N, C-alpha and C. Protein backbone atom coordinates (compact mmCIF):
# COMPACT_ATOMS: atom_id res chain seq x y z
N MET A 1 60.23 107.30 15.64
CA MET A 1 61.56 106.76 15.44
C MET A 1 61.49 105.74 14.31
N SER A 2 62.41 105.86 13.37
CA SER A 2 62.47 104.88 12.29
C SER A 2 63.11 103.60 12.81
N ASN A 3 63.00 102.56 12.02
CA ASN A 3 63.56 101.27 12.41
C ASN A 3 65.06 101.37 12.68
N ILE A 4 65.77 102.11 11.87
CA ILE A 4 67.23 102.18 12.01
C ILE A 4 67.67 103.09 13.16
N GLU A 5 66.85 104.03 13.56
CA GLU A 5 67.23 104.93 14.65
C GLU A 5 67.42 104.20 15.97
N ARG A 6 66.85 103.02 16.12
CA ARG A 6 67.00 102.28 17.37
C ARG A 6 68.45 101.85 17.60
N TYR A 7 69.25 101.82 16.53
CA TYR A 7 70.66 101.45 16.64
C TYR A 7 71.56 102.66 16.89
N ASP A 8 71.03 103.84 16.71
CA ASP A 8 71.85 105.04 16.73
C ASP A 8 72.24 105.41 18.16
N TYR A 9 73.51 105.47 18.40
CA TYR A 9 74.01 105.94 19.69
C TYR A 9 75.30 106.70 19.44
N ALA A 10 75.50 107.68 20.27
CA ALA A 10 76.70 108.49 20.13
C ALA A 10 77.66 108.12 21.25
N PHE A 11 78.94 108.14 20.93
CA PHE A 11 79.95 107.92 21.95
C PHE A 11 81.22 108.64 21.53
N ASP A 12 82.02 108.96 22.51
CA ASP A 12 83.30 109.61 22.26
C ASP A 12 84.34 108.52 22.05
N PRO A 13 84.89 108.39 20.84
CA PRO A 13 85.86 107.34 20.58
C PRO A 13 87.10 107.41 21.46
N GLU A 14 87.33 108.56 22.07
CA GLU A 14 88.48 108.71 22.96
C GLU A 14 88.08 108.60 24.43
N GLY A 15 86.78 108.36 24.70
CA GLY A 15 86.27 108.30 26.06
C GLY A 15 86.50 106.95 26.72
N GLU A 16 85.74 106.70 27.78
CA GLU A 16 85.91 105.47 28.56
C GLU A 16 84.73 104.52 28.43
N SER A 17 83.81 104.77 27.51
CA SER A 17 82.69 103.86 27.31
C SER A 17 83.22 102.54 26.72
N TRP A 18 82.41 101.48 26.81
CA TRP A 18 82.88 100.18 26.29
C TRP A 18 83.18 100.22 24.80
N PRO A 19 82.38 100.93 23.95
CA PRO A 19 82.77 100.95 22.53
C PRO A 19 84.12 101.62 22.31
N ALA A 20 84.37 102.69 23.04
CA ALA A 20 85.64 103.40 22.88
C ALA A 20 86.82 102.53 23.32
N ARG A 21 86.67 101.86 24.45
CA ARG A 21 87.75 100.99 24.94
C ARG A 21 87.99 99.83 23.97
N LEU A 22 86.92 99.28 23.42
CA LEU A 22 87.05 98.18 22.47
C LEU A 22 87.76 98.65 21.20
N LEU A 23 87.35 99.79 20.67
CA LEU A 23 87.94 100.30 19.43
C LEU A 23 89.42 100.62 19.58
N ARG A 24 89.84 101.00 20.78
CA ARG A 24 91.27 101.28 21.00
C ARG A 24 92.12 100.02 20.91
N GLN A 25 91.49 98.86 20.98
CA GLN A 25 92.22 97.59 20.85
C GLN A 25 92.48 97.22 19.39
N VAL A 26 91.84 97.92 18.48
CA VAL A 26 91.98 97.62 17.05
C VAL A 26 93.02 98.57 16.44
N ALA A 27 94.06 97.99 15.90
CA ALA A 27 95.12 98.80 15.30
C ALA A 27 94.60 99.49 14.03
N PRO A 28 95.04 100.72 13.78
CA PRO A 28 94.66 101.39 12.53
C PRO A 28 95.03 100.52 11.33
N GLN A 29 94.20 100.58 10.31
CA GLN A 29 94.39 99.87 9.05
C GLN A 29 94.27 98.36 9.18
N SER A 30 93.60 97.89 10.24
CA SER A 30 93.35 96.45 10.40
C SER A 30 92.20 96.02 9.50
N SER A 31 92.10 94.72 9.28
CA SER A 31 90.91 94.14 8.66
C SER A 31 90.01 93.68 9.79
N VAL A 32 88.74 94.10 9.74
CA VAL A 32 87.81 93.85 10.85
C VAL A 32 86.55 93.17 10.33
N LEU A 33 86.12 92.13 11.03
CA LEU A 33 84.82 91.51 10.79
C LEU A 33 83.93 91.96 11.94
N GLU A 34 82.93 92.74 11.62
CA GLU A 34 82.03 93.30 12.64
C GLU A 34 80.69 92.58 12.56
N LEU A 35 80.27 92.01 13.67
CA LEU A 35 79.03 91.24 13.73
C LEU A 35 77.93 92.08 14.33
N GLY A 36 76.83 92.23 13.59
CA GLY A 36 75.68 92.98 14.09
C GLY A 36 75.96 94.44 14.36
N PRO A 37 76.47 95.17 13.38
CA PRO A 37 76.85 96.56 13.60
C PRO A 37 75.70 97.55 13.63
N GLY A 38 74.48 97.10 13.36
CA GLY A 38 73.37 98.05 13.30
C GLY A 38 73.62 99.05 12.20
N ALA A 39 73.44 100.32 12.51
CA ALA A 39 73.62 101.36 11.50
C ALA A 39 75.07 101.78 11.33
N GLY A 40 75.97 101.24 12.14
CA GLY A 40 77.39 101.49 11.91
C GLY A 40 78.06 102.54 12.77
N ALA A 41 77.62 102.75 13.99
CA ALA A 41 78.27 103.75 14.85
C ALA A 41 79.75 103.42 15.03
N MET A 42 80.06 102.18 15.34
CA MET A 42 81.46 101.79 15.50
C MET A 42 82.14 101.62 14.13
N THR A 43 81.39 101.20 13.14
CA THR A 43 81.93 101.02 11.79
C THR A 43 82.51 102.32 11.27
N LYS A 44 81.83 103.42 11.51
CA LYS A 44 82.30 104.73 11.04
C LYS A 44 83.65 105.08 11.64
N VAL A 45 83.84 104.78 12.92
CA VAL A 45 85.12 105.06 13.58
C VAL A 45 86.21 104.18 12.98
N LEU A 46 85.90 102.90 12.78
CA LEU A 46 86.87 101.99 12.18
C LEU A 46 87.31 102.47 10.79
N LEU A 47 86.34 102.90 9.99
CA LEU A 47 86.66 103.41 8.65
C LEU A 47 87.53 104.65 8.73
N ALA A 48 87.23 105.54 9.66
CA ALA A 48 88.02 106.76 9.82
C ALA A 48 89.46 106.45 10.22
N ARG A 49 89.65 105.30 10.83
CA ARG A 49 91.00 104.88 11.24
C ARG A 49 91.67 104.03 10.17
N GLY A 50 91.07 103.99 8.99
CA GLY A 50 91.69 103.31 7.86
C GLY A 50 91.50 101.81 7.83
N CYS A 51 90.58 101.29 8.62
CA CYS A 51 90.35 99.84 8.65
C CYS A 51 89.54 99.39 7.44
N ASN A 52 89.77 98.16 7.04
CA ASN A 52 88.98 97.49 6.02
C ASN A 52 87.92 96.70 6.77
N VAL A 53 86.65 97.07 6.62
CA VAL A 53 85.59 96.51 7.44
C VAL A 53 84.62 95.66 6.61
N THR A 54 84.37 94.46 7.09
CA THR A 54 83.32 93.59 6.56
C THR A 54 82.32 93.40 7.69
N VAL A 55 81.03 93.52 7.39
CA VAL A 55 80.01 93.41 8.42
C VAL A 55 79.04 92.28 8.09
N VAL A 56 78.46 91.69 9.15
CA VAL A 56 77.37 90.73 9.02
C VAL A 56 76.18 91.35 9.73
N GLU A 57 75.10 91.57 8.98
CA GLU A 57 73.91 92.24 9.52
C GLU A 57 72.68 91.66 8.86
N ASN A 58 71.57 91.59 9.61
CA ASN A 58 70.35 91.04 9.03
C ASN A 58 69.20 92.04 8.93
N ASP A 59 69.33 93.22 9.53
CA ASP A 59 68.27 94.21 9.44
C ASP A 59 68.35 94.91 8.09
N PRO A 60 67.29 94.85 7.27
CA PRO A 60 67.35 95.43 5.91
C PRO A 60 67.67 96.92 5.89
N ASP A 61 67.14 97.69 6.85
CA ASP A 61 67.43 99.13 6.90
C ASP A 61 68.90 99.37 7.25
N ALA A 62 69.41 98.59 8.19
CA ALA A 62 70.82 98.73 8.56
C ALA A 62 71.72 98.32 7.40
N VAL A 63 71.35 97.29 6.68
CA VAL A 63 72.14 96.84 5.52
C VAL A 63 72.29 97.99 4.52
N LEU A 64 71.20 98.68 4.24
CA LEU A 64 71.26 99.82 3.30
C LEU A 64 72.19 100.91 3.81
N ALA A 65 72.09 101.24 5.09
CA ALA A 65 72.95 102.28 5.67
C ALA A 65 74.41 101.87 5.62
N LEU A 66 74.68 100.61 5.88
CA LEU A 66 76.06 100.11 5.86
C LEU A 66 76.63 100.11 4.45
N ARG A 67 75.81 99.75 3.49
CA ARG A 67 76.28 99.79 2.09
C ARG A 67 76.64 101.21 1.69
N ASP A 68 75.87 102.18 2.19
CA ASP A 68 76.16 103.59 1.90
C ASP A 68 77.52 104.00 2.47
N LEU A 69 77.98 103.31 3.51
CA LEU A 69 79.30 103.61 4.09
C LEU A 69 80.44 103.02 3.26
N GLY A 70 80.09 102.10 2.36
CA GLY A 70 81.11 101.52 1.49
C GLY A 70 81.80 100.29 2.06
N VAL A 71 81.21 99.66 3.06
CA VAL A 71 81.81 98.45 3.61
C VAL A 71 81.25 97.22 2.91
N GLU A 72 81.97 96.12 3.00
CA GLU A 72 81.45 94.86 2.48
C GLU A 72 80.38 94.36 3.45
N VAL A 73 79.20 94.06 2.94
CA VAL A 73 78.08 93.63 3.77
C VAL A 73 77.71 92.20 3.44
N ILE A 74 77.66 91.37 4.46
CA ILE A 74 77.14 90.01 4.34
C ILE A 74 75.80 90.01 5.05
N GLU A 75 74.74 89.77 4.29
CA GLU A 75 73.41 89.73 4.90
C GLU A 75 73.18 88.36 5.50
N GLY A 76 72.98 88.32 6.81
CA GLY A 76 72.74 87.04 7.45
C GLY A 76 72.33 87.22 8.89
N ASN A 77 71.54 86.29 9.37
CA ASN A 77 71.09 86.27 10.75
C ASN A 77 71.99 85.30 11.51
N LEU A 78 72.80 85.82 12.40
CA LEU A 78 73.75 84.99 13.12
C LEU A 78 73.08 84.04 14.11
N GLU A 79 71.80 84.25 14.37
CA GLU A 79 71.08 83.36 15.27
C GLU A 79 70.45 82.18 14.52
N SER A 80 70.69 82.10 13.24
CA SER A 80 70.14 81.04 12.41
C SER A 80 71.28 80.31 11.72
N SER A 81 71.12 79.01 11.53
CA SER A 81 72.15 78.25 10.83
C SER A 81 72.01 78.36 9.32
N GLU A 82 70.94 79.05 8.84
CA GLU A 82 70.66 79.12 7.40
C GLU A 82 71.56 80.10 6.65
N TRP A 83 72.19 81.02 7.29
CA TRP A 83 72.95 82.02 6.56
C TRP A 83 74.26 81.45 6.08
């Protein structure tokens, strides 16, 4: 398993899992600040719904994957006051 695969999870955006229920609270075309998105499982759904997404992530592999999605990426560790 690569470093980034540890973040990979599948879910049905229309299902009853916690990510699906959370995403249903976000109106289409909203501006979203996503903290610690990993490789972007939820980010992809937000983008598909026309949202403008900015993410804060500190894992270098995840940062690369998120940049490939075209979102604004802020590299920072939220557990540190240095970012």
